[in-house]
Amino acid sequence: MDEALIFLVFAGSVAAVLGTLWWLATRVRRRGIGGEVMGPFEEMWHPAAHRFRAEIRVQETRTVPMPPQGGKRNGHNGNGGALTPDLG
C-alpha cells in the first residue's frame, strides 16, 4: 500500500511539473516573449531551435528601420526629388 502511495505522489509531481511547463510554453508562445523564459528548456530538448533563435536576433540587429511615412528625409522637402518646388 505504501509503495502505491509513493508511486502516486511521484507520478503526480511529475505530471504537475510537466503541466506547468506546458502551460507556460503556451502562454509564452501566445505573447511572443519566450526566448528568455523557455530558452534553457528548449535548448535541452531541441538545440537547433537555440541556434535558430540566435540567428533571428542577429538578423533583427541588422535590420535598418524605415523612415516615417510622409515625413522629411535627409533634408529633402518630401516631394520625391522632383524638380518642382514644394508649394504646400
Protein backbone atom coordinates (compact mmCIF):
# COMPACT_ATOMS: atom_id res chain seq x y z
CA MET A 1 0.00 0.00 0.00
CA ASP A 2 2.81 2.40 0.88
CA GLU A 3 4.58 1.69 -2.41
CA ALA A 4 1.47 2.59 -4.39
CA LEU A 5 1.11 5.85 -2.48
CA ILE A 6 4.75 6.74 -3.13
CA PHE A 7 4.29 5.99 -6.82
CA LEU A 8 1.14 8.13 -7.00
CA VAL A 9 2.85 11.07 -5.30
CA PHE A 10 5.83 10.79 -7.64
CA ALA A 11 3.64 10.48 -10.75
CA GLY A 12 1.51 13.40 -9.59
CA SER A 13 4.58 15.55 -9.02
CA VAL A 14 5.97 14.78 -12.47
CA ALA A 15 2.58 15.47 -14.04
CA ALA A 16 2.32 18.79 -12.18
CA VAL A 17 5.77 19.92 -13.36
CA LEU A 18 5.07 18.90 -16.96
CA GLY A 19 1.65 20.55 -16.87
CA THR A 20 3.15 23.77 -15.54
CA LEU A 21 5.81 23.79 -18.26
CA TRP A 22 3.16 23.11 -20.93
CA TRP A 23 1.00 25.97 -19.63
CA LEU A 24 4.00 28.30 -19.51
CA ALA A 25 5.03 27.34 -23.05
CA THR A 26 1.59 28.05 -24.49
CA ARG A 27 1.38 31.37 -22.67
CA VAL A 28 4.86 32.41 -23.79
CA ARG A 29 4.20 31.48 -27.42
CA ARG A 30 0.93 33.38 -27.41
CA ARG A 31 2.59 36.54 -26.09
CA GLY A 32 5.83 36.16 -28.03
CA ILE A 33 8.14 36.53 -25.03
CA GLY A 34 9.53 33.04 -24.93
CA GLY A 35 13.24 33.38 -25.56
CA GLU A 36 14.29 34.23 -22.05
CA VAL A 37 11.82 32.08 -20.15
CA MET A 38 11.72 28.86 -22.15
CA GLY A 39 15.19 29.13 -23.70
CA PRO A 40 17.03 26.76 -21.35
CA PHE A 41 14.37 24.04 -21.65
CA GLU A 42 14.19 24.40 -25.42
CA GLU A 43 17.97 24.25 -25.65
CA MET A 44 18.00 20.95 -23.74
CA TRP A 45 15.41 19.26 -25.91
CA HIS A 46 15.95 20.99 -29.26
CA PRO A 47 19.43 22.55 -29.69
CA ALA A 48 18.73 23.61 -33.29
CA ALA A 49 15.99 25.94 -32.02
CA HIS A 50 18.55 27.74 -29.86
CA ARG A 51 20.80 28.32 -32.88
CA PHE A 52 17.81 29.47 -34.95
CA ARG A 53 16.78 31.96 -32.25
CA ALA A 54 20.34 33.34 -32.13
CA GLU A 55 20.28 33.80 -35.92
CA ILE A 56 16.96 35.65 -35.70
CA ARG A 57 18.45 38.00 -33.09
CA VAL A 58 21.40 38.74 -35.38
CA GLN A 59 19.09 39.47 -38.31
CA GLU A 60 16.95 41.79 -36.19
CA THR A 61 20.00 43.85 -35.27
CA ARG A 62 20.94 44.16 -38.94
CA THR A 63 17.53 45.45 -40.00
CA VAL A 64 17.53 49.16 -40.81
CA PRO A 65 14.39 50.92 -39.57
CA MET A 66 12.24 52.51 -42.25
CA PRO A 67 11.81 56.30 -42.18
CA PRO A 68 8.40 57.60 -41.15
CA GLN A 69 5.91 57.87 -44.00
CA GLY A 70 5.14 61.38 -45.18
CA GLY A 71 7.99 62.92 -43.20
CA LYS A 72 11.06 64.74 -44.45
CA ARG A 73 14.07 62.55 -45.17
CA ASN A 74 17.69 63.68 -45.28
CA GLY A 75 16.79 67.34 -45.61
CA HIS A 76 14.65 66.85 -48.72
CA ASN A 77 11.27 68.51 -48.96
CA GLY A 78 9.39 65.24 -49.31
CA ASN A 79 8.27 65.68 -52.93
CA GLY A 80 10.27 62.67 -54.08
CA GLY A 81 13.17 64.66 -55.52
CA ALA A 82 11.05 66.25 -58.26
CA LEU A 83 12.31 69.42 -59.89
CA THR A 84 9.22 71.43 -58.97
CA PRO A 85 9.30 73.25 -55.62
CA ASP A 86 7.08 72.17 -52.78
CA LEU A 87 4.26 74.72 -52.62
CA GLY A 88 2.49 73.24 -49.65
